[in-house]
Amino acid sequence: METTMKKEIIDQLAHFTAGLVATVLLGFVIGAYAGIVVMSFAVLREIKQRLDRGDVWYGCNWGCRLDLAFWALGIGCGLLIVIFSL
């Protein structure tokens, strides 16, 4: 497998895992609001990455959207775990 593809798979797996773990941990404290908190963090993190690269804060390209989609997927799975374990 190509190294850029491997890096992308690892990157997206990390986004999914971070969203899942953060949502589950926060979810047992603040409930379903954890999804809003974690997604807000993810969006702010993506904005910071764009600003660090010198891009405009509102310009979310394909890679940014893919990252946010995997964050959202992890958050959704985390919310299912929290909701069905209460």
PDB file of N, CA and C in Angstrom:
ATOM      1  N   MET A   1       0.847  -1.180   0.000  1.00  0.00           N
ATOM      2  CA  MET A   1       0.000   0.000   0.000  1.00  0.00           C
ATOM      3  C   MET A   1       0.894   1.245   0.000  1.00  0.00           C
ATOM      4  N   GLU A   2       0.454   2.253  -0.657  1.00  0.00           N
ATOM      5  CA  GLU A   2       1.200   3.493  -0.783  1.00  0.00           C
ATOM      6  C   GLU A   2       1.331   4.191   0.571  1.00  0.00           C
ATOM      7  N   THR A   3       2.470   4.833   0.830  1.00  0.00           N
ATOM      8  CA  THR A   3       2.696   5.440   2.147  1.00  0.00           C
ATOM      9  C   THR A   3       1.730   6.581   2.438  1.00  0.00           C
ATOM     10  N   THR A   4       1.352   7.369   1.422  1.00  0.00           N
ATOM     11  CA  THR A   4       0.398   8.442   1.675  1.00  0.00           C
ATOM     12  C   THR A   4      -0.970   7.866   2.046  1.00  0.00           C
ATOM     13  N   MET A   5      -1.318   6.747   1.451  1.00  0.00           N
ATOM     14  CA  MET A   5      -2.588   6.098   1.781  1.00  0.00           C
ATOM     15  C   MET A   5      -2.547   5.563   3.206  1.00  0.00           C
ATOM     16  N   LYS A   6      -1.425   4.974   3.592  1.00  0.00           N
ATOM     17  CA  LYS A   6      -1.270   4.474   4.961  1.00  0.00           C
ATOM     18  C   LYS A   6      -1.391   5.614   5.968  1.00  0.00           C
ATOM     19  N   LYS A   7      -0.740   6.738   5.665  1.00  0.00           N
ATOM     20  CA  LYS A   7      -0.815   7.906   6.549  1.00  0.00           C
ATOM     21  C   LYS A   7      -2.240   8.410   6.667  1.00  0.00           C
ATOM     22  N   GLU A   8      -2.949   8.431   5.556  1.00  0.00           N
ATOM     23  CA  GLU A   8      -4.343   8.904   5.557  1.00  0.00           C
ATOM     24  C   GLU A   8      -5.238   7.976   6.371  1.00  0.00           C
ATOM     25  N   ILE A   9      -5.038   6.667   6.230  1.00  0.00           N
ATOM     26  CA  ILE A   9      -5.831   5.702   7.008  1.00  0.00           C
ATOM     27  C   ILE A   9      -5.566   5.870   8.499  1.00  0.00           C
ATOM     28  N   ILE A  10      -4.302   6.018   8.863  1.00  0.00           N
ATOM     29  CA  ILE A  10      -3.954   6.211  10.275  1.00  0.00           C
ATOM     30  C   ILE A  10      -4.532   7.522  10.792  1.00  0.00           C
ATOM     31  N   ASP A  11      -4.467   8.577   9.985  1.00  0.00           N
ATOM     32  CA  ASP A  11      -5.000   9.879  10.374  1.00  0.00           C
ATOM     33  C   ASP A  11      -6.500   9.810  10.617  1.00  0.00           C
ATOM     34  N   GLN A  12      -7.231   9.173   9.697  1.00  0.00           N
ATOM     35  CA  GLN A  12      -8.684   9.099   9.854  1.00  0.00           C
ATOM     36  C   GLN A  12      -9.077   8.173  11.000  1.00  0.00           C
ATOM     37  N   LEU A  13      -8.328   7.120  11.202  1.00  0.00           N
ATOM     38  CA  LEU A  13      -8.571   6.239  12.343  1.00  0.00           C
ATOM     39  C   LEU A  13      -8.352   6.991  13.651  1.00  0.00           C
ATOM     40  N   ALA A  14      -7.345   7.851  13.673  1.00  0.00           N
ATOM     41  CA  ALA A  14      -7.091   8.667  14.868  1.00  0.00           C
ATOM     42  C   ALA A  14      -8.235   9.643  15.122  1.00  0.00           C
ATOM     43  N   HIS A  15      -8.774  10.263  14.070  1.00  0.00           N
ATOM     44  CA  HIS A  15      -9.907  11.178  14.243  1.00  0.00           C
ATOM     45  C   HIS A  15     -11.133  10.429  14.771  1.00  0.00           C
ATOM     46  N   PHE A  16     -11.404   9.282  14.188  1.00  0.00           N
ATOM     47  CA  PHE A  16     -12.543   8.475  14.639  1.00  0.00           C
ATOM     48  C   PHE A  16     -12.377   8.079  16.101  1.00  0.00           C
ATOM     49  N   THR A  17     -11.199   7.572  16.446  1.00  0.00           N
ATOM     50  CA  THR A  17     -10.940   7.110  17.811  1.00  0.00           C
ATOM     51  C   THR A  17     -11.010   8.262  18.807  1.00  0.00           C
ATOM     52  N   ALA A  18     -10.444   9.398  18.455  1.00  0.00           N
ATOM     53  CA  ALA A  18     -10.489  10.561  19.342  1.00  0.00           C
ATOM     54  C   ALA A  18     -11.932  10.997  19.581  1.00  0.00           C
ATOM     55  N   GLY A  19     -12.738  11.036  18.523  1.00  0.00           N
ATOM     56  CA  GLY A  19     -14.143  11.406  18.676  1.00  0.00           C
ATOM     57  C   GLY A  19     -14.899  10.417  19.536  1.00  0.00           C
ATOM     58  N   LEU A  20     -14.664   9.138  19.317  1.00  0.00           N
ATOM     59  CA  LEU A  20     -15.341   8.087  20.076  1.00  0.00           C
ATOM     60  C   LEU A  20     -14.966   8.139  21.553  1.00  0.00           C
ATOM     61  N   VAL A  21     -13.685   8.135  21.839  1.00  0.00           N
ATOM     62  CA  VAL A  21     -13.222   8.100  23.235  1.00  0.00           C
ATOM     63  C   VAL A  21     -13.633   9.360  23.982  1.00  0.00           C
ATOM     64  N   ALA A  22     -13.429  10.520  23.384  1.00  0.00           N
ATOM     65  CA  ALA A  22     -13.784  11.772  24.046  1.00  0.00           C
ATOM     66  C   ALA A  22     -15.288  11.848  24.318  1.00  0.00           C
ATOM     67  N   THR A  23     -16.088  11.400  23.367  1.00  0.00           N
ATOM     68  CA  THR A  23     -17.537  11.446  23.544  1.00  0.00           C
ATOM     69  C   THR A  23     -17.991  10.487  24.633  1.00  0.00           C
ATOM     70  N   VAL A  24     -17.431   9.289  24.661  1.00  0.00           N
ATOM     71  CA  VAL A  24     -17.826   8.317  25.684  1.00  0.00           C
ATOM     72  C   VAL A  24     -17.429   8.828  27.064  1.00  0.00           C
ATOM     73  N   LEU A  25     -16.185   9.310  27.196  1.00  0.00           N
ATOM     74  CA  LEU A  25     -15.733   9.783  28.503  1.00  0.00           C
ATOM     75  C   LEU A  25     -16.548  10.977  28.985  1.00  0.00           C
ATOM     76  N   LEU A  26     -16.759  11.943  28.103  1.00  0.00           N
ATOM     77  CA  LEU A  26     -17.566  13.108  28.477  1.00  0.00           C
ATOM     78  C   LEU A  26     -19.038  12.754  28.609  1.00  0.00           C
ATOM     79  N   GLY A  27     -19.488  11.804  27.822  1.00  0.00           N
ATOM     80  CA  GLY A  27     -20.900  11.439  27.809  1.00  0.00           C
ATOM     81  C   GLY A  27     -21.400  10.913  29.135  1.00  0.00           C
ATOM     82  N   PHE A  28     -20.541  10.220  29.866  1.00  0.00           N
ATOM     83  CA  PHE A  28     -20.958   9.716  31.163  1.00  0.00           C
ATOM     84  C   PHE A  28     -21.008  10.820  32.211  1.00  0.00           C
ATOM     85  N   VAL A  29     -20.445  11.983  31.891  1.00  0.00           N
ATOM     86  CA  VAL A  29     -20.478  13.116  32.814  1.00  0.00           C
ATOM     87  C   VAL A  29     -21.592  14.092  32.443  1.00  0.00           C
ATOM     88  N   ILE A  30     -21.654  14.467  31.156  1.00  0.00           N
ATOM     89  CA  ILE A  30     -22.616  15.498  30.751  1.00  0.00           C
ATOM     90  C   ILE A  30     -23.688  14.982  29.790  1.00  0.00           C
ATOM     91  N   GLY A  31     -23.719  13.703  29.557  1.00  0.00           N
ATOM     92  CA  GLY A  31     -24.759  13.125  28.704  1.00  0.00           C
ATOM     93  C   GLY A  31     -24.534  13.406  27.230  1.00  0.00           C
ATOM     94  N   ALA A  32     -25.619  13.516  26.510  1.00  0.00           N
ATOM     95  CA  ALA A  32     -25.557  13.674  25.056  1.00  0.00           C
ATOM     96  C   ALA A  32     -24.973  15.023  24.633  1.00  0.00           C
ATOM     97  N   TYR A  33     -24.863  15.960  25.565  1.00  0.00           N
ATOM     98  CA  TYR A  33     -24.215  17.232  25.244  1.00  0.00           C
ATOM     99  C   TYR A  33     -22.753  17.031  24.867  1.00  0.00           C
ATOM    100  N   ALA A  34     -22.203  15.891  25.226  1.00  0.00           N
ATOM    101  CA  ALA A  34     -20.810  15.588  24.894  1.00  0.00           C
ATOM    102  C   ALA A  34     -20.581  15.658  23.388  1.00  0.00           C
ATOM    103  N   GLY A  35     -21.577  15.263  22.605  1.00  0.00           N
ATOM    104  CA  GLY A  35     -21.441  15.322  21.151  1.00  0.00           C
ATOM    105  C   GLY A  35     -21.206  16.733  20.657  1.00  0.00           C
ATOM    106  N   ILE A  36     -21.925  17.688  21.236  1.00  0.00           N
ATOM    107  CA  ILE A  36     -21.768  19.092  20.843  1.00  0.00           C
ATOM    108  C   ILE A  36     -20.395  19.606  21.254  1.00  0.00           C
ATOM    109  N   VAL A  37     -19.978  19.268  22.460  1.00  0.00           N
ATOM    110  CA  VAL A  37     -18.685  19.729  22.969  1.00  0.00           C
ATOM    111  C   VAL A  37     -17.537  19.172  22.133  1.00  0.00           C
ATOM    112  N   VAL A  38     -17.568  17.879  21.865  1.00  0.00           N
ATOM    113  CA  VAL A  38     -16.474  17.251  21.120  1.00  0.00           C
ATOM    114  C   VAL A  38     -16.455  17.734  19.668  1.00  0.00           C
ATOM    115  N   MET A  39     -17.606  17.890  19.037  1.00  0.00           N
ATOM    116  CA  MET A  39     -17.628  18.374  17.651  1.00  0.00           C
ATOM    117  C   MET A  39     -17.162  19.822  17.584  1.00  0.00           C
ATOM    118  N   SER A  40     -17.506  20.615  18.584  1.00  0.00           N
ATOM    119  CA  SER A  40     -17.012  21.998  18.632  1.00  0.00           C
ATOM    120  C   SER A  40     -15.493  22.011  18.714  1.00  0.00           C
ATOM    121  N   PHE A  41     -14.940  21.134  19.552  1.00  0.00           N
ATOM    122  CA  PHE A  41     -13.486  21.025  19.647  1.00  0.00           C
ATOM    123  C   PHE A  41     -12.888  20.640  18.290  1.00  0.00           C
ATOM    124  N   ALA A  42     -13.500  19.682  17.610  1.00  0.00           N
ATOM    125  CA  ALA A  42     -12.982  19.219  16.319  1.00  0.00           C
ATOM    126  C   ALA A  42     -12.976  20.346  15.295  1.00  0.00           C
ATOM    127  N   VAL A  43     -14.051  21.121  15.252  1.00  0.00           N
ATOM    128  CA  VAL A  43     -14.132  22.227  14.285  1.00  0.00           C
ATOM    129  C   VAL A  43     -13.088  23.292  14.621  1.00  0.00           C
ATOM    130  N   LEU A  44     -12.953  23.630  15.899  1.00  0.00           N
ATOM    131  CA  LEU A  44     -11.953  24.626  16.293  1.00  0.00           C
ATOM    132  C   LEU A  44     -10.536  24.131  15.988  1.00  0.00           C
ATOM    133  N   ARG A  45     -10.305  22.851  16.153  1.00  0.00           N
ATOM    134  CA  ARG A  45      -8.997  22.265  15.841  1.00  0.00           C
ATOM    135  C   ARG A  45      -8.703  22.379  14.345  1.00  0.00           C
ATOM    136  N   GLU A  46      -9.700  22.101  13.512  1.00  0.00           N
ATOM    137  CA  GLU A  46      -9.508  22.225  12.061  1.00  0.00           C
ATOM    138  C   GLU A  46      -9.268  23.684  11.663  1.00  0.00           C
ATOM    139  N   ILE A  47      -9.977  24.612  12.297  1.00  0.00           N
ATOM    140  CA  ILE A  47      -9.760  26.039  12.009  1.00  0.00           C
ATOM    141  C   ILE A  47      -8.339  26.431  12.381  1.00  0.00           C
ATOM    142  N   LYS A  48      -7.873  25.981  13.542  1.00  0.00           N
ATOM    143  CA  LYS A  48      -6.505  26.291  13.974  1.00  0.00           C
ATOM    144  C   LYS A  48      -5.477  25.725  12.993  1.00  0.00           C
ATOM    145  N   GLN A  49      -5.702  24.515  12.509  1.00  0.00           N
ATOM    146  CA  GLN A  49      -4.775  23.929  11.537  1.00  0.00           C
ATOM    147  C   GLN A  49      -4.708  24.766  10.265  1.00  0.00           C
ATOM    148  N   ARG A  50      -5.858  25.255   9.813  1.00  0.00           N
ATOM    149  CA  ARG A  50      -5.869  26.076   8.597  1.00  0.00           C
ATOM    150  C   ARG A  50      -5.141  27.395   8.840  1.00  0.00           C
ATOM    151  N   LEU A  51      -5.369  28.016   9.998  1.00  0.00           N
ATOM    152  CA  LEU A  51      -4.693  29.280  10.295  1.00  0.00           C
ATOM    153  C   LEU A  51      -3.185  29.089  10.414  1.00  0.00           C
ATOM    154  N   ASP A  52      -2.760  27.967  10.993  1.00  0.00           N
ATOM    155  CA  ASP A  52      -1.329  27.681  11.112  1.00  0.00           C
ATOM    156  C   ASP A  52      -0.665  27.511   9.752  1.00  0.00           C
ATOM    157  N   ARG A  53      -1.418  27.040   8.766  1.00  0.00           N
ATOM    158  CA  ARG A  53      -0.886  26.885   7.405  1.00  0.00           C
ATOM    159  C   ARG A  53      -0.969  28.179   6.601  1.00  0.00           C
ATOM    160  N   GLY A  54      -1.583  29.203   7.168  1.00  0.00           N
ATOM    161  CA  GLY A  54      -1.718  30.473   6.465  1.00  0.00           C
ATOM    162  C   GLY A  54      -2.964  30.559   5.611  1.00  0.00           C
ATOM    163  N   ASP A  55      -3.860  29.596   5.718  1.00  0.00           N
ATOM    164  CA  ASP A  55      -5.115  29.623   4.961  1.00  0.00           C
ATOM    165  C   ASP A  55      -6.150  30.469   5.699  1.00  0.00           C
ATOM    166  N   VAL A  56      -7.228  30.802   5.002  1.00  0.00           N
ATOM    167  CA  VAL A  56      -8.328  31.518   5.660  1.00  0.00           C
ATOM    168  C   VAL A  56      -9.057  30.550   6.586  1.00  0.00           C
ATOM    169  N   TRP A  57      -9.599  31.050   7.676  1.00  0.00           N
ATOM    170  CA  TRP A  57     -10.199  30.184   8.694  1.00  0.00           C
ATOM    171  C   TRP A  57     -11.444  29.477   8.193  1.00  0.00           C
ATOM    172  N   TYR A  58     -12.146  30.056   7.238  1.00  0.00           N
ATOM    173  CA  TYR A  58     -13.424  29.501   6.783  1.00  0.00           C
ATOM    174  C   TYR A  58     -13.285  28.578   5.563  1.00  0.00           C
ATOM    175  N   GLY A  59     -12.088  28.387   5.070  1.00  0.00           N
ATOM    176  CA  GLY A  59     -11.893  27.568   3.868  1.00  0.00           C
ATOM    177  C   GLY A  59     -11.658  26.103   4.215  1.00  0.00           C
ATOM    178  N   CYS A  60     -12.702  25.318   4.206  1.00  0.00           N
ATOM    179  CA  CYS A  60     -12.583  23.901   4.566  1.00  0.00           C
ATOM    180  C   CYS A  60     -12.527  23.077   3.279  1.00  0.00           C
ATOM    181  N   ASN A  61     -11.323  22.580   2.958  1.00  0.00           N
ATOM    182  CA  ASN A  61     -11.144  21.819   1.717  1.00  0.00           C
ATOM    183  C   ASN A  61     -11.557  20.359   1.906  1.00  0.00           C
ATOM    184  N   TRP A  62     -11.238  19.530   0.944  1.00  0.00           N
ATOM    185  CA  TRP A  62     -11.640  18.116   0.974  1.00  0.00           C
ATOM    186  C   TRP A  62     -11.057  17.396   2.181  1.00  0.00           C
ATOM    187  N   GLY A  63      -9.783  17.628   2.481  1.00  0.00           N
ATOM    188  CA  GLY A  63      -9.137  16.961   3.611  1.00  0.00           C
ATOM    189  C   GLY A  63      -9.759  17.356   4.936  1.00  0.00           C
ATOM    190  N   CYS A  64     -10.085  18.617   5.070  1.00  0.00           N
ATOM    191  CA  CYS A  64     -10.745  19.119   6.276  1.00  0.00           C
ATOM    192  C   CYS A  64     -12.116  18.469   6.447  1.00  0.00           C
ATOM    193  N   ARG A  65     -12.854  18.377   5.379  1.00  0.00           N
ATOM    194  CA  ARG A  65     -14.186  17.751   5.442  1.00  0.00           C
ATOM    195  C   ARG A  65     -14.097  16.269   5.786  1.00  0.00           C
ATOM    196  N   LEU A  66     -13.090  15.601   5.246  1.00  0.00           N
ATOM    197  CA  LEU A  66     -12.891  14.190   5.552  1.00  0.00           C
ATOM    198  C   LEU A  66     -12.556  14.011   7.036  1.00  0.00           C
ATOM    199  N   ASP A  67     -11.677  14.867   7.561  1.00  0.00           N
ATOM    200  CA  ASP A  67     -11.339  14.814   8.984  1.00  0.00           C
ATOM    201  C   ASP A  67     -12.587  15.011   9.847  1.00  0.00           C
ATOM    202  N   LEU A  68     -13.376  16.019   9.525  1.00  0.00           N
ATOM    203  CA  LEU A  68     -14.587  16.298  10.309  1.00  0.00           C
ATOM    204  C   LEU A  68     -15.611  15.168  10.184  1.00  0.00           C
ATOM    205  N   ALA A  69     -15.663  14.540   9.020  1.00  0.00           N
ATOM    206  CA  ALA A  69     -16.594  13.414   8.848  1.00  0.00           C
ATOM    207  C   ALA A  69     -16.202  12.245   9.753  1.00  0.00           C
ATOM    208  N   PHE A  70     -14.915  11.969   9.877  1.00  0.00           N
ATOM    209  CA  PHE A  70     -14.486  10.883  10.753  1.00  0.00           C
ATOM    210  C   PHE A  70     -14.633  11.252  12.227  1.00  0.00           C
ATOM    211  N   TRP A  71     -14.421  12.526  12.566  1.00  0.00           N
ATOM    212  CA  TRP A  71     -14.734  12.972  13.927  1.00  0.00           C
ATOM    213  C   TRP A  71     -16.220  12.721  14.202  1.00  0.00           C
ATOM    214  N   ALA A  72     -17.075  13.130  13.266  1.00  0.00           N
ATOM    215  CA  ALA A  72     -18.525  12.982  13.454  1.00  0.00           C
ATOM    216  C   ALA A  72     -18.931  11.512  13.560  1.00  0.00           C
ATOM    217  N   LEU A  73     -18.306  10.660  12.788  1.00  0.00           N
ATOM    218  CA  LEU A  73     -18.590   9.229  12.854  1.00  0.00           C
ATOM    219  C   LEU A  73     -18.224   8.669  14.235  1.00  0.00           C
ATOM    220  N   GLY A  74     -17.069   9.054  14.738  1.00  0.00           N
ATOM    221  CA  GLY A  74     -16.663   8.628  16.078  1.00  0.00           C
ATOM    222  C   GLY A  74     -17.584   9.165  17.155  1.00  0.00           C
ATOM    223  N   ILE A  75     -17.991  10.414  17.005  1.00  0.00           N
ATOM    224  CA  ILE A  75     -18.906  11.028  17.970  1.00  0.00           C
ATOM    225  C   ILE A  75     -20.252  10.318  17.945  1.00  0.00           C
ATOM    226  N   GLY A  76     -20.748  10.019  16.760  1.00  0.00           N
ATOM    227  CA  GLY A  76     -22.024   9.312  16.650  1.00  0.00           C
ATOM    228  C   GLY A  76     -21.981   7.944  17.304  1.00  0.00           C
ATOM    229  N   CYS A  77     -20.912   7.210  17.068  1.00  0.00           N
ATOM    230  CA  CYS A  77     -20.771   5.892  17.712  1.00  0.00           C
ATOM    231  C   CYS A  77     -20.634   6.049  19.217  1.00  0.00           C
ATOM    232  N   GLY A  78     -19.906   7.063  19.651  1.00  0.00           N
ATOM    233  CA  GLY A  78     -19.768   7.322  21.080  1.00  0.00           C
ATOM    234  C   GLY A  78     -21.090   7.652  21.734  1.00  0.00           C
ATOM    235  N   LEU A  79     -21.905   8.439  21.053  1.00  0.00           N
ATOM    236  CA  LEU A  79     -23.227   8.784  21.596  1.00  0.00           C
ATOM    237  C   LEU A  79     -24.121   7.550  21.699  1.00  0.00           C
ATOM    238  N   LEU A  80     -24.027   6.663  20.719  1.00  0.00           N
ATOM    239  CA  LEU A  80     -24.806   5.414  20.797  1.00  0.00           C
ATOM    240  C   LEU A  80     -24.376   4.599  22.013  1.00  0.00           C
ATOM    241  N   ILE A  81     -23.082   4.535  22.265  1.00  0.00           N
ATOM    242  CA  ILE A  81     -22.599   3.790  23.429  1.00  0.00           C
ATOM    243  C   ILE A  81     -23.121   4.425  24.712  1.00  0.00           C
ATOM    244  N   VAL A  82     -23.035   5.751  24.799  1.00  0.00           N
ATOM    245  CA  VAL A  82     -23.483   6.456  26.010  1.00  0.00           C
ATOM    246  C   VAL A  82     -24.985   6.289  26.212  1.00  0.00           C
ATOM    247  N   ILE A  83     -25.759   6.505  25.173  1.00  0.00           N
ATOM    248  CA  ILE A  83     -27.222   6.467  25.287  1.00  0.00           C
ATOM    249  C   ILE A  83     -27.718   5.066  25.662  1.00  0.00           C
ATOM    250  N   PHE A  84     -27.141   4.038  25.033  1.00  0.00           N
ATOM    251  CA  PHE A  84     -27.631   2.690  25.299  1.00  0.00           C
ATOM    252  C   PHE A  84     -27.032   2.047  26.547  1.00  0.00           C
ATOM    253  N   SER A  85     -26.077   2.719  27.177  1.00  0.00           N
ATOM    254  CA  SER A  85     -25.524   2.149  28.405  1.00  0.00           C
ATOM    255  C   SER A  85     -26.042   2.850  29.653  1.00  0.00           C
ATOM    256  N   LEU A  86     -26.890   3.848  29.473  1.00  0.00           N
ATOM    257  CA  LEU A  86     -27.463   4.539  30.639  1.00  0.00           C
ATOM    258  C   LEU A  86     -28.702   3.830  31.124  1.00  0.00           C
TER     259      LEU A  86
END
